Amino acid sequence: MSVVMLLLQSAVLVLVAFLGVGMGTRRSMREVVERLGLHRLEWVHLLIAGVTLVIMVVLNFVVAGLWMLLAPEQVEAISQISQSMLGNFDSVPAIILLAVLSGFSEEVLFRGALQPRMGLFLTSLLFAGTHVQYSISPATLLVLVIGIVLGILRRFFGTWTSIITHFGYNLSLLLLGMLGSRLLEVLG
């Protein structure tokens, strides 16, 4: 995916979310922002996002480790798919851009716009379904669990908390992945 495609995709997701909750038709911008759960961010939200982020990254590594033990060939295939999808995102600025845009746009659409209408589980299932480029695998189940966690954060602490957590999760995994591949190049 190119940077331009990422920008367009993110813009479309955010636009769908804003229009979907009534921007320009039945709600003012202030009401749209409120409906999307984009309440004022407070320090406690950052703390909650940080703690949740650490738990999610640890969970990712536990699932990945178990999956590697049980089906290493499937893990390798998924890794190759991910690398081909993220080929243009091989620098720190590009990774930050990817993490910001995907975290913001996906959370505004899924947790901000859809979750209040569809509920936590259905929204999380739809979120996981949009990540099936990994095929139906432990990665899909992990995305479902992450979607549920992000949905719980949105419900109790607002969409900004889920956005920050999603951004941090993506950023952590992408940076660790880049670091790991660079280390393999040096050592390999």
N, C-alpha and C. Protein backbone atom coordinates (compact mmCIF):
# COMPACT_ATOMS: atom_id res chain seq x y z
N MET A 1 0.85 -1.18 0.00
CA MET A 1 0.00 0.00 0.00
C MET A 1 0.89 1.24 0.00
N SER A 2 0.52 2.20 -0.79
CA SER A 2 1.29 3.43 -0.86
C SER A 2 0.78 4.43 0.17
N VAL A 3 1.56 5.45 0.41
CA VAL A 3 1.17 6.51 1.34
C VAL A 3 -0.10 7.21 0.85
N VAL A 4 -0.17 7.44 -0.45
CA VAL A 4 -1.35 8.10 -1.02
C VAL A 4 -2.60 7.24 -0.79
N MET A 5 -2.48 5.93 -1.04
CA MET A 5 -3.63 5.04 -0.82
C MET A 5 -4.03 5.01 0.66
N LEU A 6 -3.04 5.00 1.54
CA LEU A 6 -3.34 5.03 2.98
C LEU A 6 -4.08 6.31 3.35
N LEU A 7 -3.62 7.43 2.83
CA LEU A 7 -4.29 8.71 3.11
C LEU A 7 -5.72 8.70 2.59
N LEU A 8 -5.91 8.21 1.38
CA LEU A 8 -7.26 8.16 0.80
C LEU A 8 -8.16 7.21 1.59
N GLN A 9 -7.65 6.04 1.90
CA GLN A 9 -8.44 5.07 2.67
C GLN A 9 -8.84 5.64 4.02
N SER A 10 -7.92 6.26 4.70
CA SER A 10 -8.20 6.84 6.01
C SER A 10 -9.22 7.96 5.91
N ALA A 11 -9.06 8.81 4.90
CA ALA A 11 -10.00 9.91 4.70
C ALA A 11 -11.40 9.39 4.42
N VAL A 12 -11.51 8.34 3.63
CA VAL A 12 -12.82 7.76 3.34
C VAL A 12 -13.46 7.19 4.61
N LEU A 13 -12.69 6.47 5.43
CA LEU A 13 -13.24 5.91 6.66
C LEU A 13 -13.75 7.00 7.59
N VAL A 14 -12.97 8.07 7.74
CA VAL A 14 -13.37 9.17 8.62
C VAL A 14 -14.59 9.88 8.04
N LEU A 15 -14.60 10.12 6.75
CA LEU A 15 -15.75 10.77 6.11
C LEU A 15 -17.01 9.93 6.27
N VAL A 16 -16.91 8.63 6.06
CA VAL A 16 -18.06 7.74 6.24
C VAL A 16 -18.56 7.82 7.68
N ALA A 17 -17.65 7.83 8.64
CA ALA A 17 -18.05 7.92 10.04
C ALA A 17 -18.79 9.23 10.32
N PHE A 18 -18.22 10.35 9.88
CA PHE A 18 -18.83 11.65 10.15
C PHE A 18 -20.17 11.80 9.44
N LEU A 19 -20.22 11.41 8.17
CA LEU A 19 -21.49 11.50 7.44
C LEU A 19 -22.51 10.51 7.99
N GLY A 20 -22.03 9.34 8.38
CA GLY A 20 -22.92 8.30 8.89
C GLY A 20 -23.64 8.67 10.17
N VAL A 21 -23.04 9.52 10.98
CA VAL A 21 -23.71 9.92 12.22
C VAL A 21 -24.45 11.24 12.07
N GLY A 22 -24.53 11.74 10.83
CA GLY A 22 -25.39 12.89 10.58
C GLY A 22 -24.75 14.23 10.35
N MET A 23 -23.44 14.27 10.06
CA MET A 23 -22.80 15.55 9.78
C MET A 23 -23.43 16.18 8.54
N GLY A 24 -23.82 17.41 8.67
CA GLY A 24 -24.38 18.14 7.55
C GLY A 24 -25.84 17.88 7.27
N THR A 25 -26.44 16.97 8.01
CA THR A 25 -27.86 16.69 7.79
C THR A 25 -28.67 16.89 9.07
N ARG A 26 -28.45 16.04 10.05
CA ARG A 26 -29.27 16.13 11.25
C ARG A 26 -28.51 16.51 12.52
N ARG A 27 -27.19 16.66 12.40
CA ARG A 27 -26.39 17.03 13.57
C ARG A 27 -25.42 18.13 13.22
N SER A 28 -25.18 18.99 14.21
CA SER A 28 -24.13 19.99 14.06
C SER A 28 -22.78 19.30 14.26
N MET A 29 -21.70 19.99 13.93
CA MET A 29 -20.37 19.41 14.11
C MET A 29 -20.12 19.05 15.57
N ARG A 30 -20.56 19.90 16.47
CA ARG A 30 -20.40 19.61 17.90
C ARG A 30 -21.14 18.33 18.29
N GLU A 31 -22.35 18.15 17.77
CA GLU A 31 -23.13 16.94 18.05
C GLU A 31 -22.50 15.70 17.42
N VAL A 32 -21.92 15.86 16.24
CA VAL A 32 -21.24 14.75 15.57
C VAL A 32 -20.04 14.30 16.40
N VAL A 33 -19.24 15.24 16.83
CA VAL A 33 -18.07 14.93 17.65
C VAL A 33 -18.49 14.23 18.94
N GLU A 34 -19.55 14.71 19.55
CA GLU A 34 -20.08 14.08 20.77
C GLU A 34 -20.56 12.66 20.48
N ARG A 35 -21.31 12.50 19.39
CA ARG A 35 -21.86 11.19 19.02
C ARG A 35 -20.75 10.19 18.73
N LEU A 36 -19.65 10.65 18.16
CA LEU A 36 -18.52 9.77 17.85
C LEU A 36 -17.70 9.43 19.10
N GLY A 37 -18.03 10.02 20.23
CA GLY A 37 -17.31 9.72 21.46
C GLY A 37 -15.97 10.42 21.57
N LEU A 38 -15.80 11.49 20.83
CA LEU A 38 -14.54 12.23 20.84
C LEU A 38 -14.58 13.31 21.93
N HIS A 39 -14.78 12.84 23.14
CA HIS A 39 -14.85 13.72 24.31
C HIS A 39 -13.46 14.25 24.65
N ARG A 40 -13.44 15.19 25.53
CA ARG A 40 -12.17 15.78 25.98
C ARG A 40 -11.26 14.70 26.56
N LEU A 41 -10.03 14.71 26.13
CA LEU A 41 -9.03 13.74 26.59
C LEU A 41 -8.42 14.22 27.90
N GLU A 42 -8.34 13.33 28.86
CA GLU A 42 -7.75 13.66 30.15
C GLU A 42 -6.56 12.73 30.42
N TRP A 43 -5.74 13.11 31.38
CA TRP A 43 -4.53 12.34 31.69
C TRP A 43 -4.84 10.90 32.06
N VAL A 44 -5.92 10.67 32.74
CA VAL A 44 -6.27 9.31 33.13
C VAL A 44 -6.51 8.45 31.89
N HIS A 45 -7.02 9.05 30.82
CA HIS A 45 -7.24 8.30 29.59
C HIS A 45 -5.90 7.85 28.98
N LEU A 46 -4.91 8.71 29.06
CA LEU A 46 -3.58 8.35 28.56
C LEU A 46 -2.99 7.21 29.38
N LEU A 47 -3.17 7.26 30.69
CA LEU A 47 -2.68 6.19 31.56
C LEU A 47 -3.38 4.87 31.24
N ILE A 48 -4.68 4.92 31.11
CA ILE A 48 -5.46 3.71 30.79
C ILE A 48 -5.03 3.18 29.42
N ALA A 49 -4.86 4.06 28.45
CA ALA A 49 -4.42 3.63 27.11
C ALA A 49 -3.04 2.98 27.19
N GLY A 50 -2.13 3.56 27.96
CA GLY A 50 -0.79 3.01 28.09
C GLY A 50 -0.77 1.63 28.72
N VAL A 51 -1.52 1.46 29.80
CA VAL A 51 -1.58 0.15 30.47
C VAL A 51 -2.21 -0.89 29.54
N THR A 52 -3.29 -0.51 28.88
CA THR A 52 -3.96 -1.43 27.96
C THR A 52 -3.05 -1.79 26.80
N LEU A 53 -2.33 -0.83 26.29
CA LEU A 53 -1.39 -1.06 25.20
C LEU A 53 -0.35 -2.11 25.58
N VAL A 54 0.23 -1.99 26.77
CA VAL A 54 1.23 -2.95 27.22
C VAL A 54 0.62 -4.35 27.30
N ILE A 55 -0.57 -4.44 27.85
CA ILE A 55 -1.25 -5.74 27.96
C ILE A 55 -1.50 -6.33 26.57
N MET A 56 -1.95 -5.50 25.63
CA MET A 56 -2.23 -5.98 24.28
C MET A 56 -0.97 -6.44 23.56
N VAL A 57 0.13 -5.73 23.73
CA VAL A 57 1.39 -6.13 23.08
C VAL A 57 1.88 -7.45 23.68
N VAL A 58 1.80 -7.59 24.99
CA VAL A 58 2.20 -8.85 25.63
C VAL A 58 1.31 -9.98 25.13
N LEU A 59 0.00 -9.76 25.06
CA LEU A 59 -0.92 -10.76 24.54
C LEU A 59 -0.55 -11.15 23.11
N ASN A 60 -0.19 -10.16 22.30
CA ASN A 60 0.21 -10.44 20.93
C ASN A 60 1.41 -11.38 20.90
N PHE A 61 2.40 -11.13 21.74
CA PHE A 61 3.60 -11.96 21.73
C PHE A 61 3.33 -13.35 22.28
N VAL A 62 2.44 -13.47 23.24
CA VAL A 62 2.07 -14.79 23.77
C VAL A 62 1.37 -15.60 22.68
N VAL A 63 0.38 -14.98 22.02
CA VAL A 63 -0.34 -15.67 20.94
C VAL A 63 0.63 -16.02 19.81
N ALA A 64 1.48 -15.08 19.41
CA ALA A 64 2.43 -15.33 18.32
C ALA A 64 3.40 -16.46 18.69
N GLY A 65 3.86 -16.48 19.94
CA GLY A 65 4.77 -17.54 20.38
C GLY A 65 4.12 -18.91 20.34
N LEU A 66 2.90 -19.00 20.86
CA LEU A 66 2.18 -20.27 20.83
C LEU A 66 1.88 -20.71 19.40
N TRP A 67 1.47 -19.75 18.59
CA TRP A 67 1.17 -20.04 17.20
C TRP A 67 2.42 -20.52 16.46
N MET A 68 3.56 -19.92 16.75
CA MET A 68 4.82 -20.31 16.13
C MET A 68 5.17 -21.75 16.50
N LEU A 69 4.89 -22.14 17.74
CA LEU A 69 5.16 -23.52 18.16
C LEU A 69 4.25 -24.51 17.46
N LEU A 70 2.99 -24.12 17.26
CA LEU A 70 1.99 -25.05 16.72
C LEU A 70 1.94 -25.07 15.19
N ALA A 71 2.18 -23.93 14.55
CA ALA A 71 2.06 -23.87 13.08
C ALA A 71 3.05 -22.88 12.50
N PRO A 72 4.34 -23.19 12.56
CA PRO A 72 5.34 -22.22 12.09
C PRO A 72 5.20 -21.86 10.62
N GLU A 73 4.76 -22.80 9.78
CA GLU A 73 4.62 -22.50 8.36
C GLU A 73 3.50 -21.49 8.11
N GLN A 74 2.44 -21.55 8.91
CA GLN A 74 1.34 -20.59 8.78
C GLN A 74 1.80 -19.20 9.23
N VAL A 75 2.58 -19.14 10.30
CA VAL A 75 3.12 -17.87 10.78
C VAL A 75 4.01 -17.25 9.71
N GLU A 76 4.83 -18.06 9.07
CA GLU A 76 5.71 -17.55 8.02
C GLU A 76 4.91 -17.00 6.85
N ALA A 77 3.85 -17.70 6.46
CA ALA A 77 3.01 -17.24 5.35
C ALA A 77 2.34 -15.91 5.69
N ILE A 78 1.84 -15.77 6.91
CA ILE A 78 1.21 -14.53 7.35
C ILE A 78 2.25 -13.40 7.39
N SER A 79 3.44 -13.70 7.84
CA SER A 79 4.51 -12.70 7.90
C SER A 79 4.84 -12.18 6.50
N GLN A 80 4.87 -13.07 5.53
CA GLN A 80 5.15 -12.64 4.16
C GLN A 80 4.03 -11.77 3.60
N ILE A 81 2.78 -12.10 3.92
CA ILE A 81 1.65 -11.28 3.49
C ILE A 81 1.78 -9.88 4.10
N SER A 82 2.06 -9.83 5.40
CA SER A 82 2.20 -8.54 6.08
C SER A 82 3.34 -7.71 5.48
N GLN A 83 4.46 -8.37 5.22
CA GLN A 83 5.60 -7.64 4.66
C GLN A 83 5.30 -7.10 3.28
N SER A 84 4.58 -7.87 2.47
CA SER A 84 4.25 -7.38 1.12
C SER A 84 3.25 -6.23 1.20
N MET A 85 2.33 -6.27 2.17
CA MET A 85 1.36 -5.18 2.33
C MET A 85 2.02 -3.91 2.83
N LEU A 86 3.03 -4.06 3.66
CA LEU A 86 3.66 -2.90 4.29
C LEU A 86 4.99 -2.54 3.64
N GLY A 87 5.21 -2.98 2.43
CA GLY A 87 6.49 -2.76 1.76
C GLY A 87 6.96 -1.33 1.73
N ASN A 88 6.05 -0.37 1.53
CA ASN A 88 6.43 1.03 1.44
C ASN A 88 6.61 1.68 2.82
N PHE A 89 6.27 0.97 3.85
CA PHE A 89 6.33 1.53 5.20
C PHE A 89 7.51 0.91 5.93
N ASP A 90 8.71 1.34 5.52
CA ASP A 90 9.92 0.74 6.08
C ASP A 90 10.84 1.77 6.73
N SER A 91 10.25 2.91 7.12
CA SER A 91 11.01 3.93 7.84
C SER A 91 10.18 4.36 9.05
N VAL A 92 10.84 4.94 10.01
CA VAL A 92 10.13 5.37 11.22
C VAL A 92 9.04 6.39 10.90
N PRO A 93 9.30 7.42 10.09
CA PRO A 93 8.21 8.36 9.78
C PRO A 93 7.02 7.69 9.08
N ALA A 94 7.30 6.77 8.16
CA ALA A 94 6.22 6.07 7.46
C ALA A 94 5.42 5.20 8.41
N ILE A 95 6.10 4.55 9.33
CA ILE A 95 5.42 3.71 10.32
C ILE A 95 4.56 4.56 11.25
N ILE A 96 5.07 5.70 11.66
CA ILE A 96 4.28 6.60 12.51
C ILE A 96 3.03 7.06 11.77
N LEU A 97 3.19 7.42 10.50
CA LEU A 97 2.04 7.84 9.69
C LEU A 97 1.01 6.72 9.59
N LEU A 98 1.46 5.52 9.31
CA LEU A 98 0.55 4.37 9.22
C LEU A 98 -0.18 4.14 10.55
N ALA A 99 0.56 4.20 11.65
CA ALA A 99 -0.05 3.96 12.96
C ALA A 99 -1.07 5.05 13.31
N VAL A 100 -0.73 6.31 13.03
CA VAL A 100 -1.66 7.42 13.32
C VAL A 100 -2.92 7.30 12.49
N LEU A 101 -2.74 7.14 11.17
CA LEU A 101 -3.91 7.14 10.28
C LEU A 101 -4.81 5.94 10.51
N SER A 102 -4.22 4.76 10.65
CA SER A 102 -5.07 3.58 10.85
C SER A 102 -5.72 3.61 12.22
N GLY A 103 -4.98 4.01 13.24
CA GLY A 103 -5.56 4.10 14.58
C GLY A 103 -6.72 5.08 14.64
N PHE A 104 -6.54 6.25 14.06
CA PHE A 104 -7.58 7.26 14.10
C PHE A 104 -8.79 6.87 13.24
N SER A 105 -8.54 6.54 11.98
CA SER A 105 -9.67 6.30 11.07
C SER A 105 -10.46 5.05 11.45
N GLU A 106 -9.79 3.98 11.81
CA GLU A 106 -10.50 2.77 12.18
C GLU A 106 -11.30 2.95 13.47
N GLU A 107 -10.73 3.64 14.43
CA GLU A 107 -11.46 3.84 15.69
C GLU A 107 -12.65 4.77 15.53
N VAL A 108 -12.48 5.84 14.76
CA VAL A 108 -13.60 6.76 14.55
C VAL A 108 -14.75 6.03 13.86
N LEU A 109 -14.42 5.20 12.87
CA LEU A 109 -15.48 4.47 12.17
C LEU A 109 -16.06 3.34 13.03
N PHE A 110 -15.22 2.43 13.48
CA PHE A 110 -15.72 1.24 14.17
C PHE A 110 -16.24 1.55 15.57
N ARG A 111 -15.42 2.14 16.40
CA ARG A 111 -15.84 2.38 17.78
C ARG A 111 -16.69 3.63 17.90
N GLY A 112 -16.36 4.69 17.15
CA GLY A 112 -17.12 5.93 17.26
C GLY A 112 -18.48 5.87 16.60
N ALA A 113 -18.52 5.48 15.33
CA ALA A 113 -19.77 5.51 14.57
C ALA A 113 -20.57 4.21 14.69
N LEU A 114 -19.93 3.07 14.51
CA LEU A 114 -20.68 1.81 14.42
C LEU A 114 -21.04 1.19 15.76
N GLN A 115 -20.11 1.19 16.71
CA GLN A 115 -20.36 0.49 17.97
C GLN A 115 -21.62 0.94 18.70
N PRO A 116 -21.92 2.23 18.79
CA PRO A 116 -23.16 2.61 19.48
C PRO A 116 -24.43 2.05 18.82
N ARG A 117 -24.38 1.77 17.53
CA ARG A 117 -25.53 1.21 16.81
C ARG A 117 -25.52 -0.31 16.77
N MET A 118 -24.36 -0.90 16.53
CA MET A 118 -24.26 -2.34 16.31
C MET A 118 -23.92 -3.13 17.57
N GLY A 119 -23.41 -2.45 18.57
CA GLY A 119 -22.99 -3.14 19.78
C GLY A 119 -21.52 -3.53 19.73
N LEU A 120 -21.01 -3.88 20.88
CA LEU A 120 -19.59 -4.19 21.05
C LEU A 120 -19.17 -5.41 20.24
N PHE A 121 -19.88 -6.52 20.38
CA PHE A 121 -19.42 -7.76 19.75
C PHE A 121 -19.54 -7.71 18.22
N LEU A 122 -20.66 -7.26 17.70
CA LEU A 122 -20.81 -7.21 16.24
C LEU A 122 -19.80 -6.25 15.60
N THR A 123 -19.57 -5.13 16.25
CA THR A 123 -18.57 -4.19 15.72
C THR A 123 -17.19 -4.81 15.74
N SER A 124 -16.86 -5.52 16.81
CA SER A 124 -15.55 -6.17 16.91
C SER A 124 -15.41 -7.28 15.88
N LEU A 125 -16.50 -8.00 15.62
CA LEU A 125 -16.50 -9.04 14.61
C LEU A 125 -16.28 -8.44 13.21
N LEU A 126 -16.95 -7.33 12.93
CA LEU A 126 -16.76 -6.64 11.66
C LEU A 126 -15.32 -6.13 11.54
N PHE A 127 -14.80 -5.57 12.61
CA PHE A 127 -13.42 -5.09 12.65
C PHE A 127 -12.46 -6.24 12.33
N ALA A 128 -12.65 -7.39 12.96
CA ALA A 128 -11.80 -8.56 12.69
C ALA A 128 -11.96 -9.00 11.24
N GLY A 129 -13.18 -8.92 10.73
CA GLY A 129 -13.42 -9.32 9.35
C GLY A 129 -12.70 -8.45 8.34
N THR A 130 -12.45 -7.20 8.69
CA THR A 130 -11.71 -6.33 7.77
C THR A 130 -10.21 -6.61 7.80
N HIS A 131 -9.79 -7.49 8.71
CA HIS A 131 -8.37 -7.84 8.82
C HIS A 131 -8.13 -9.30 8.40
N VAL A 132 -9.00 -9.86 7.56
CA VAL A 132 -8.83 -11.26 7.17
C VAL A 132 -7.80 -11.46 6.07
N GLN A 133 -7.05 -10.42 5.74
CA GLN A 133 -5.93 -10.62 4.83
C GLN A 133 -4.97 -11.63 5.45
N TYR A 134 -5.10 -11.83 6.75
CA TYR A 134 -4.27 -12.81 7.44
C TYR A 134 -4.88 -14.20 7.38
N SER A 135 -5.99 -14.36 6.69
CA SER A 135 -6.78 -15.58 6.62
C SER A 135 -7.43 -15.81 8.00
N ILE A 136 -8.28 -16.80 8.08
CA ILE A 136 -8.88 -17.14 9.37
C ILE A 136 -7.81 -17.92 10.13
N SER A 137 -7.31 -17.32 11.16
CA SER A 137 -6.16 -17.87 11.89
C SER A 137 -6.18 -17.32 13.31
N PRO A 138 -5.20 -17.72 14.11
CA PRO A 138 -5.10 -17.11 15.44
C PRO A 138 -4.97 -15.58 15.37
N ALA A 139 -4.41 -15.06 14.28
CA ALA A 139 -4.30 -13.61 14.13
C ALA A 139 -5.69 -12.98 14.07
N THR A 140 -6.63 -13.64 13.38
CA THR A 140 -8.00 -13.12 13.29
C THR A 140 -8.66 -13.11 14.66
N LEU A 141 -8.46 -14.18 15.41
CA LEU A 141 -9.01 -14.24 16.77
C LEU A 141 -8.40 -13.16 17.65
N LEU A 142 -7.11 -12.93 17.50
CA LEU A 142 -6.44 -11.88 18.27
C LEU A 142 -7.00 -10.51 17.90
N VAL A 143 -7.25 -10.27 16.61
CA VAL A 143 -7.83 -8.99 16.18
C VAL A 143 -9.23 -8.83 16.77
N LEU A 144 -9.99 -9.92 16.84
CA LEU A 144 -11.31 -9.87 17.46
C LEU A 144 -11.20 -9.47 18.94
N VAL A 145 -10.29 -10.09 19.65
CA VAL A 145 -10.10 -9.77 21.07
C VAL A 145 -9.65 -8.31 21.23
N ILE A 146 -8.74 -7.88 20.37
CA ILE A 146 -8.28 -6.49 20.43
C ILE A 146 -9.44 -5.54 20.13
N GLY A 147 -10.28 -5.89 19.17
CA GLY A 147 -11.46 -5.08 18.87
C GLY A 147 -12.39 -4.97 20.07
N ILE A 148 -12.56 -6.07 20.79
CA ILE A 148 -13.40 -6.05 21.99
C ILE A 148 -12.78 -5.15 23.05
N VAL A 149 -11.48 -5.26 23.24
CA VAL A 149 -10.79 -4.42 24.23
C VAL A 149 -10.93 -2.94 23.84
N LEU A 150 -10.70 -2.64 22.58
CA LEU A 150 -10.83 -1.24 22.13
C LEU A 150 -12.27 -0.75 22.29
N GLY A 151 -13.22 -1.63 22.06
CA GLY A 151 -14.63 -1.28 22.25
C GLY A 151 -14.97 -1.00 23.70
N ILE A 152 -14.40 -1.76 24.60
CA ILE A 152 -14.61 -1.52 26.03
C ILE A 152 -14.01 -0.18 26.42
N LEU A 153 -12.82 0.11 25.90
CA LEU A 153 -12.20 1.41 26.18
C LEU A 153 -13.10 2.54 25.69
N ARG A 154 -13.64 2.40 24.48
CA ARG A 154 -14.52 3.43 23.94
C ARG A 154 -15.74 3.61 24.81
N ARG A 155 -16.34 2.49 25.23
CA ARG A 155 -17.57 2.56 26.02
C ARG A 155 -17.37 3.30 27.34
N PHE A 156 -16.27 3.02 28.01
CA PHE A 156 -16.08 3.58 29.35
C PHE A 156 -15.23 4.85 29.39
N PHE A 157 -14.37 5.05 28.39
CA PHE A 157 -13.43 6.18 28.46
C PHE A 157 -13.44 7.08 27.23
N GLY A 158 -14.21 6.73 26.20
CA GLY A 158 -14.31 7.56 25.01
C GLY A 158 -13.43 7.07 23.88
N THR A 159 -13.72 7.59 22.72
CA THR A 159 -13.04 7.14 21.50
C THR A 159 -11.57 7.56 21.47
N TRP A 160 -11.23 8.71 22.07
CA TRP A 160 -9.81 9.11 22.08
C TRP A 160 -8.95 8.06 22.77
N THR A 161 -9.47 7.44 23.82
CA THR A 161 -8.70 6.42 24.53
C THR A 161 -8.47 5.22 23.63
N SER A 162 -9.49 4.81 22.89
CA SER A 162 -9.30 3.67 21.97
C SER A 162 -8.38 4.06 20.81
N ILE A 163 -8.47 5.29 20.35
CA ILE A 163 -7.59 5.76 19.27
C ILE A 163 -6.13 5.70 19.72
N ILE A 164 -5.85 6.24 20.89
CA ILE A 164 -4.47 6.27 21.39
C ILE A 164 -3.94 4.85 21.61
N THR A 165 -4.79 3.98 22.13
CA THR A 165 -4.37 2.59 22.35
C THR A 165 -4.10 1.90 21.02
N HIS A 166 -4.99 2.08 20.06
CA HIS A 166 -4.83 1.46 18.74
C HIS A 166 -3.56 1.99 18.07
N PHE A 167 -3.36 3.30 18.11
CA PHE A 167 -2.15 3.90 17.56
C PHE A 167 -0.90 3.30 18.22
N GLY A 168 -0.89 3.26 19.54
CA GLY A 168 0.27 2.74 20.25
C GLY A 168 0.55 1.28 19.96
N TYR A 169 -0.51 0.50 19.84
CA TYR A 169 -0.38 -0.92 19.52
C TYR A 169 0.24 -1.09 18.13
N ASN A 170 -0.34 -0.41 17.15
CA ASN A 170 0.20 -0.49 15.79
C ASN A 170 1.64 -0.01 15.74
N LEU A 171 1.91 1.12 16.37
CA LEU A 171 3.26 1.68 16.37
C LEU A 171 4.26 0.71 17.00
N SER A 172 3.90 0.16 18.15
CA SER A 172 4.80 -0.78 18.84
C SER A 172 5.13 -1.99 17.98
N LEU A 173 4.08 -2.62 17.42
CA LEU A 173 4.32 -3.82 16.63
C LEU A 173 5.07 -3.53 15.34
N LEU A 174 4.73 -2.42 14.70
CA LEU A 174 5.43 -2.07 13.45
C LEU A 174 6.89 -1.73 13.70
N LEU A 175 7.16 -0.96 14.76
CA LEU A 175 8.56 -0.62 15.07
C LEU A 175 9.35 -1.86 15.49
N LEU A 176 8.73 -2.71 16.30
CA LEU A 176 9.42 -3.94 16.70
C LEU A 176 9.66 -4.85 15.50
N GLY A 177 8.69 -4.91 14.58
CA GLY A 177 8.87 -5.70 13.37
C GLY A 177 9.99 -5.18 12.51
N MET A 178 10.05 -3.85 12.35
CA MET A 178 11.12 -3.24 11.57
C MET A 178 12.47 -3.50 12.23
N LEU A 179 12.52 -3.33 13.54
CA LEU A 179 13.77 -3.58 14.27
C LEU A 179 14.20 -5.04 14.12
N GLY A 180 13.24 -5.95 14.24
CA GLY A 180 13.56 -7.38 14.11
C GLY A 180 14.10 -7.71 12.73
N SER A 181 13.48 -7.18 11.69
CA SER A 181 13.96 -7.48 10.34
C SER A 181 15.33 -6.85 10.09
N ARG A 182 15.57 -5.67 10.64
CA ARG A 182 16.89 -5.04 10.48
C ARG A 182 17.96 -5.84 11.22
N LEU A 183 17.60 -6.36 12.41
CA LEU A 183 18.55 -7.20 13.15
C LEU A 183 18.86 -8.48 12.39
N LEU A 184 17.84 -9.08 11.77
CA LEU A 184 18.06 -10.29 10.98
C LEU A 184 18.97 -10.01 9.79
N GLU A 185 18.81 -8.84 9.18
CA GLU A 185 19.69 -8.48 8.06
C GLU A 185 21.13 -8.36 8.51
N VAL A 186 21.33 -7.74 9.67
CA VAL A 186 22.69 -7.54 10.20
C VAL A 186 23.30 -8.88 10.60
N LEU A 187 22.50 -9.71 11.26
CA LEU A 187 23.01 -10.98 11.76
C LEU A 187 23.05 -12.07 10.69
N GLY A 188 22.15 -11.93 9.69
CA GLY A 188 21.95 -13.00 8.72
C GLY A 188 22.89 -13.02 7.60
